[in-house]
Amino acid sequence: MTTLRLRPEDPADTGSVRRVLAAAFARPDVSTPPEVALVDELRDTEAWLPELAMVAEYGGEVVGYALLTRVRVRPDRGGDGSALALGPVAVAPHRQRVGHGTAVVQAALDAATELGERMVVVLGAPAFYRRFGFGPAGELGLTSPWSGLGEPWQGLVLPPSTSGEAPPPQGEVLFPAPWSRV
């Protein structure tokens, strides 16, 4: 019986990750979807956290991907806080709608929690992301260039690693430069 294996991306997975992203985000008006370049460019920034680039492997083939990268949260006053941005999330078209997307996102969120991360933001379908506990980012005191899109701009507070931890940051979420090209 073939099982789904969830693990951090390995450098040897780069080509497979590109293929999954290209297939999942394919559009007739572009030869290569911008999500492919986004991941390639994020790999070369301080935002890249290799242990939070998760792949789903089925039958030895990479069929899913979920990426968490570092973002900054600039409060109204005081110093910057940190959070994570989820995306892109992709599943190869021939393996969609069988739970691989849910599994790879959950694996990424679990890994972030284990590392003591406190907050994740995402721009995506509320019906999908609610299952992980995401809700309106505005209700968490978070803004971004995507705030005006309403419900797709979402946030999630991860479980604290210690009971005395400070609350997660609030303010404007600042994304690394590669995000501005998507």
C-alpha atoms as a PDB file:
ATOM      1  CA  MET A   1       0.000   0.000   0.000  1.00  0.00           C
ATOM      2  CA  THR A   2       1.348   3.422  -0.964  1.00  0.00           C
ATOM      3  CA  THR A   3       1.318   6.015   1.797  1.00  0.00           C
ATOM      4  CA  LEU A   4       1.766   9.743   1.826  1.00  0.00           C
ATOM      5  CA  ARG A   5       5.097  10.877   3.245  1.00  0.00           C
ATOM      6  CA  LEU A   6       5.399  14.427   4.607  1.00  0.00           C
ATOM      7  CA  ARG A   7       8.845  15.947   5.076  1.00  0.00           C
ATOM      8  CA  PRO A   8      10.882  19.128   4.678  1.00  0.00           C
ATOM      9  CA  GLU A   9      11.994  19.871   1.146  1.00  0.00           C
ATOM     10  CA  ASP A  10      15.419  18.551   0.249  1.00  0.00           C
ATOM     11  CA  PRO A  11      17.673  20.475  -2.201  1.00  0.00           C
ATOM     12  CA  ALA A  12      17.207  17.563  -4.634  1.00  0.00           C
ATOM     13  CA  ASP A  13      13.443  18.307  -4.657  1.00  0.00           C
ATOM     14  CA  THR A  14      13.778  21.710  -6.348  1.00  0.00           C
ATOM     15  CA  GLY A  15      12.850  20.463  -9.831  1.00  0.00           C
ATOM     16  CA  SER A  16       9.938  18.413  -8.528  1.00  0.00           C
ATOM     17  CA  VAL A  17       8.628  21.359  -6.487  1.00  0.00           C
ATOM     18  CA  ARG A  18       8.814  23.579  -9.589  1.00  0.00           C
ATOM     19  CA  ARG A  19       6.831  21.003 -11.594  1.00  0.00           C
ATOM     20  CA  VAL A  20       4.120  20.730  -8.911  1.00  0.00           C
ATOM     21  CA  LEU A  21       3.824  24.521  -8.667  1.00  0.00           C
ATOM     22  CA  ALA A  22       3.754  24.938 -12.464  1.00  0.00           C
ATOM     23  CA  ALA A  23       1.043  22.291 -12.880  1.00  0.00           C
ATOM     24  CA  ALA A  24      -1.081  23.448  -9.936  1.00  0.00           C
ATOM     25  CA  PHE A  25      -1.007  27.129 -10.935  1.00  0.00           C
ATOM     26  CA  ALA A  26      -1.050  26.652 -14.737  1.00  0.00           C
ATOM     27  CA  ARG A  27      -2.868  29.348 -16.695  1.00  0.00           C
ATOM     28  CA  PRO A  28      -3.188  29.686 -20.447  1.00  0.00           C
ATOM     29  CA  ASP A  29      -1.927  33.292 -20.423  1.00  0.00           C
ATOM     30  CA  VAL A  30       1.522  32.562 -18.870  1.00  0.00           C
ATOM     31  CA  SER A  31       4.194  30.025 -19.723  1.00  0.00           C
ATOM     32  CA  THR A  32       5.428  29.803 -16.134  1.00  0.00           C
ATOM     33  CA  PRO A  33       3.161  30.781 -13.243  1.00  0.00           C
ATOM     34  CA  PRO A  34       4.590  33.484 -10.953  1.00  0.00           C
ATOM     35  CA  GLU A  35       4.377  31.119  -7.964  1.00  0.00           C
ATOM     36  CA  VAL A  36       7.319  29.157  -9.431  1.00  0.00           C
ATOM     37  CA  ALA A  37       9.545  32.252  -9.476  1.00  0.00           C
ATOM     38  CA  LEU A  38       8.258  33.294  -6.047  1.00  0.00           C
ATOM     39  CA  VAL A  39       9.556  30.109  -4.423  1.00  0.00           C
ATOM     40  CA  ASP A  40      12.842  30.273  -6.347  1.00  0.00           C
ATOM     41  CA  GLU A  41      13.388  33.882  -5.263  1.00  0.00           C
ATOM     42  CA  LEU A  42      12.357  33.292  -1.652  1.00  0.00           C
ATOM     43  CA  ARG A  43      15.024  30.562  -1.386  1.00  0.00           C
ATOM     44  CA  ASP A  44      17.645  33.325  -1.731  1.00  0.00           C
ATOM     45  CA  THR A  45      16.275  35.575   1.035  1.00  0.00           C
ATOM     46  CA  GLU A  46      16.511  35.726   4.822  1.00  0.00           C
ATOM     47  CA  ALA A  47      12.800  34.837   4.850  1.00  0.00           C
ATOM     48  CA  TRP A  48      13.583  31.252   3.769  1.00  0.00           C
ATOM     49  CA  LEU A  49      13.257  28.668   6.544  1.00  0.00           C
ATOM     50  CA  PRO A  50      14.258  25.308   5.002  1.00  0.00           C
ATOM     51  CA  GLU A  51      12.599  23.273   7.743  1.00  0.00           C
ATOM     52  CA  LEU A  52       9.260  24.935   6.895  1.00  0.00           C
ATOM     53  CA  ALA A  53       9.268  24.143   3.165  1.00  0.00           C
ATOM     54  CA  MET A  54       7.202  20.942   3.244  1.00  0.00           C
ATOM     55  CA  VAL A  55       6.639  18.394   0.519  1.00  0.00           C
ATOM     56  CA  ALA A  56       4.095  15.614   0.238  1.00  0.00           C
ATOM     57  CA  GLU A  57       5.527  12.538  -1.441  1.00  0.00           C
ATOM     58  CA  TYR A  58       3.331   9.743  -2.769  1.00  0.00           C
ATOM     59  CA  GLY A  59       4.792   6.660  -4.401  1.00  0.00           C
ATOM     60  CA  GLY A  60       8.211   8.330  -4.497  1.00  0.00           C
ATOM     61  CA  GLU A  61       6.834  11.353  -6.372  1.00  0.00           C
ATOM     62  CA  VAL A  62       6.568  14.878  -4.913  1.00  0.00           C
ATOM     63  CA  VAL A  63       2.860  15.660  -5.295  1.00  0.00           C
ATOM     64  CA  GLY A  64       2.288  18.484  -2.816  1.00  0.00           C
ATOM     65  CA  TYR A  65       3.977  21.535  -1.379  1.00  0.00           C
ATOM     66  CA  ALA A  66       3.360  24.049   1.410  1.00  0.00           C
ATOM     67  CA  LEU A  67       5.778  26.866   2.176  1.00  0.00           C
ATOM     68  CA  LEU A  68       6.071  29.008   5.296  1.00  0.00           C
ATOM     69  CA  THR A  69       8.457  31.960   5.100  1.00  0.00           C
ATOM     70  CA  ARG A  70       9.344  34.754   7.510  1.00  0.00           C
ATOM     71  CA  VAL A  71       7.447  38.036   7.412  1.00  0.00           C
ATOM     72  CA  ARG A  72       7.756  41.040   9.711  1.00  0.00           C
ATOM     73  CA  VAL A  73       4.915  42.694  11.601  1.00  0.00           C
ATOM     74  CA  ARG A  74       5.372  46.430  12.110  1.00  0.00           C
ATOM     75  CA  PRO A  75       3.248  47.614  15.030  1.00  0.00           C
ATOM     76  CA  ASP A  76       1.909  51.143  15.375  1.00  0.00           C
ATOM     77  CA  ARG A  77       4.674  51.728  17.913  1.00  0.00           C
ATOM     78  CA  GLY A  78       7.622  49.721  19.142  1.00  0.00           C
ATOM     79  CA  GLY A  79       9.884  47.281  17.297  1.00  0.00           C
ATOM     80  CA  ASP A  80       8.982  44.791  14.614  1.00  0.00           C
ATOM     81  CA  GLY A  81       7.585  41.383  15.486  1.00  0.00           C
ATOM     82  CA  SER A  82       7.824  38.287  13.362  1.00  0.00           C
ATOM     83  CA  ALA A  83       5.298  35.931  11.827  1.00  0.00           C
ATOM     84  CA  LEU A  84       5.121  33.457   8.964  1.00  0.00           C
ATOM     85  CA  ALA A  85       3.389  33.627   5.595  1.00  0.00           C
ATOM     86  CA  LEU A  86       1.847  30.441   4.221  1.00  0.00           C
ATOM     87  CA  GLY A  87       2.099  30.089   0.487  1.00  0.00           C
ATOM     88  CA  PRO A  88       2.236  28.960  -2.067  1.00  0.00           C
ATOM     89  CA  VAL A  89       0.397  25.736  -1.365  1.00  0.00           C
ATOM     90  CA  ALA A  90       0.125  23.380  -4.322  1.00  0.00           C
ATOM     91  CA  VAL A  91      -0.892  19.823  -5.166  1.00  0.00           C
ATOM     92  CA  ALA A  92      -0.247  18.136  -8.509  1.00  0.00           C
ATOM     93  CA  PRO A  93      -3.540  18.085 -10.446  1.00  0.00           C
ATOM     94  CA  HIS A  94      -3.653  14.276 -10.630  1.00  0.00           C
ATOM     95  CA  ARG A  95      -3.476  14.045  -6.791  1.00  0.00           C
ATOM     96  CA  GLN A  96      -5.892  16.861  -5.871  1.00  0.00           C
ATOM     97  CA  ARG A  97      -9.032  16.322  -3.782  1.00  0.00           C
ATOM     98  CA  VAL A  98      -7.645  13.315  -1.903  1.00  0.00           C
ATOM     99  CA  GLY A  99      -6.326  15.153   1.178  1.00  0.00           C
ATOM    100  CA  HIS A 100      -2.718  15.820   0.176  1.00  0.00           C
ATOM    101  CA  GLY A 101      -3.146  19.599   0.401  1.00  0.00           C
ATOM    102  CA  THR A 102      -4.632  19.390   3.881  1.00  0.00           C
ATOM    103  CA  ALA A 103      -1.875  17.010   4.981  1.00  0.00           C
ATOM    104  CA  VAL A 104       1.032  19.105   3.721  1.00  0.00           C
ATOM    105  CA  VAL A 105      -0.385  22.343   5.187  1.00  0.00           C
ATOM    106  CA  GLN A 106      -0.949  20.640   8.552  1.00  0.00           C
ATOM    107  CA  ALA A 107       2.609  19.282   8.474  1.00  0.00           C
ATOM    108  CA  ALA A 108       3.982  22.782   7.852  1.00  0.00           C
ATOM    109  CA  LEU A 109       1.872  24.286  10.662  1.00  0.00           C
ATOM    110  CA  ASP A 110       2.898  21.500  13.042  1.00  0.00           C
ATOM    111  CA  ALA A 111       6.572  22.093  12.236  1.00  0.00           C
ATOM    112  CA  ALA A 112       6.143  25.831  12.838  1.00  0.00           C
ATOM    113  CA  THR A 113       4.486  25.161  16.189  1.00  0.00           C
ATOM    114  CA  GLU A 114       7.331  22.848  17.195  1.00  0.00           C
ATOM    115  CA  LEU A 115       9.799  25.652  16.368  1.00  0.00           C
ATOM    116  CA  GLY A 116       7.929  28.024  18.687  1.00  0.00           C
ATOM    117  CA  GLU A 117       6.455  30.232  15.963  1.00  0.00           C
ATOM    118  CA  ARG A 118       3.395  32.228  17.037  1.00  0.00           C
ATOM    119  CA  MET A 119       1.514  33.469  13.997  1.00  0.00           C
ATOM    120  CA  VAL A 120       0.822  32.591  10.364  1.00  0.00           C
ATOM    121  CA  VAL A 121      -0.892  34.691   7.697  1.00  0.00           C
ATOM    122  CA  VAL A 122      -2.296  33.501   4.388  1.00  0.00           C
ATOM    123  CA  LEU A 123      -4.127  34.904   1.406  1.00  0.00           C
ATOM    124  CA  GLY A 124      -6.412  32.155   0.193  1.00  0.00           C
ATOM    125  CA  ALA A 125      -9.783  30.449   0.128  1.00  0.00           C
ATOM    126  CA  PRO A 126     -11.432  30.804   3.544  1.00  0.00           C
ATOM    127  CA  ALA A 127     -13.350  27.539   3.106  1.00  0.00           C
ATOM    128  CA  PHE A 128     -10.065  25.637   2.833  1.00  0.00           C
ATOM    129  CA  TYR A 129      -8.016  27.466   5.477  1.00  0.00           C
ATOM    130  CA  ARG A 130     -10.729  27.581   8.167  1.00  0.00           C
ATOM    131  CA  ARG A 131     -10.174  23.852   8.791  1.00  0.00           C
ATOM    132  CA  PHE A 132      -6.760  24.758  10.249  1.00  0.00           C
ATOM    133  CA  GLY A 133      -8.143  27.538  12.449  1.00  0.00           C
ATOM    134  CA  PHE A 134      -7.471  30.538  10.199  1.00  0.00           C
ATOM    135  CA  GLY A 135      -9.825  33.477  10.505  1.00  0.00           C
ATOM    136  CA  PRO A 136     -10.002  37.097   9.378  1.00  0.00           C
ATOM    137  CA  ALA A 137      -6.567  38.668   9.840  1.00  0.00           C
ATOM    138  CA  GLY A 138      -8.144  42.035  10.622  1.00  0.00           C
ATOM    139  CA  GLU A 139      -9.660  40.538  13.764  1.00  0.00           C
ATOM    140  CA  LEU A 140      -6.090  39.720  14.880  1.00  0.00           C
ATOM    141  CA  GLY A 141      -5.009  43.329  14.315  1.00  0.00           C
ATOM    142  CA  LEU A 142      -3.110  42.547  11.097  1.00  0.00           C
ATOM    143  CA  THR A 143      -3.065  44.611   7.918  1.00  0.00           C
ATOM    144  CA  SER A 144      -1.276  44.176   4.596  1.00  0.00           C
ATOM    145  CA  PRO A 145      -1.518  45.248   0.975  1.00  0.00           C
ATOM    146  CA  TRP A 146      -4.161  42.481   0.684  1.00  0.00           C
ATOM    147  CA  SER A 147      -6.355  43.644   3.577  1.00  0.00           C
ATOM    148  CA  GLY A 148      -8.802  45.180   1.115  1.00  0.00           C
ATOM    149  CA  LEU A 149      -9.549  41.738  -0.341  1.00  0.00           C
ATOM    150  CA  GLY A 150     -11.560  40.917   2.764  1.00  0.00           C
ATOM    151  CA  GLU A 151     -12.084  37.283   3.793  1.00  0.00           C
ATOM    152  CA  PRO A 152      -9.130  35.782   1.857  1.00  0.00           C
ATOM    153  CA  TRP A 153      -6.702  37.793   4.070  1.00  0.00           C
ATOM    154  CA  GLN A 154      -6.441  35.449   7.072  1.00  0.00           C
ATOM    155  CA  GLY A 155      -4.379  34.805  10.163  1.00  0.00           C
ATOM    156  CA  LEU A 156      -3.796  32.006  12.642  1.00  0.00           C
ATOM    157  CA  VAL A 157      -2.332  32.197  16.135  1.00  0.00           C
ATOM    158  CA  LEU A 158      -0.352  29.016  16.798  1.00  0.00           C
ATOM    159  CA  PRO A 159      -0.417  27.336  20.207  1.00  0.00           C
ATOM    160  CA  PRO A 160       2.150  28.876  22.567  1.00  0.00           C
ATOM    161  CA  SER A 161       5.222  26.865  23.441  1.00  0.00           C
ATOM    162  CA  THR A 162       5.169  28.247  26.993  1.00  0.00           C
ATOM    163  CA  SER A 163       2.267  29.440  29.078  1.00  0.00           C
ATOM    164  CA  GLY A 164       3.929  32.791  29.817  1.00  0.00           C
ATOM    165  CA  GLU A 165       4.485  33.778  26.200  1.00  0.00           C
ATOM    166  CA  ALA A 166       3.588  37.295  25.076  1.00  0.00           C
ATOM    167  CA  PRO A 167       0.626  37.703  22.736  1.00  0.00           C
ATOM    168  CA  PRO A 168       1.361  37.558  18.999  1.00  0.00           C
ATOM    169  CA  PRO A 169       2.249  40.797  17.227  1.00  0.00           C
ATOM    170  CA  GLN A 170      -0.299  43.147  15.693  1.00  0.00           C
ATOM    171  CA  GLY A 171       0.258  45.698  12.946  1.00  0.00           C
ATOM    172  CA  GLU A 172       1.196  45.868   9.286  1.00  0.00           C
ATOM    173  CA  VAL A 173       2.558  42.627   7.817  1.00  0.00           C
ATOM    174  CA  LEU A 174       5.624  43.293   5.672  1.00  0.00           C
ATOM    175  CA  PHE A 175       6.379  40.667   3.032  1.00  0.00           C
ATOM    176  CA  PRO A 176       9.793  39.984   1.466  1.00  0.00           C
ATOM    177  CA  ALA A 177      10.322  41.660  -1.930  1.00  0.00           C
ATOM    178  CA  PRO A 178       9.595  38.541  -4.048  1.00  0.00           C
ATOM    179  CA  TRP A 179       5.962  38.654  -2.895  1.00  0.00           C
ATOM    180  CA  SER A 180       5.436  42.007  -4.661  1.00  0.00           C
ATOM    181  CA  ARG A 181       5.820  40.274  -8.039  1.00  0.00           C
ATOM    182  CA  VAL A 182       3.010  37.751  -7.570  1.00  0.00           C
END
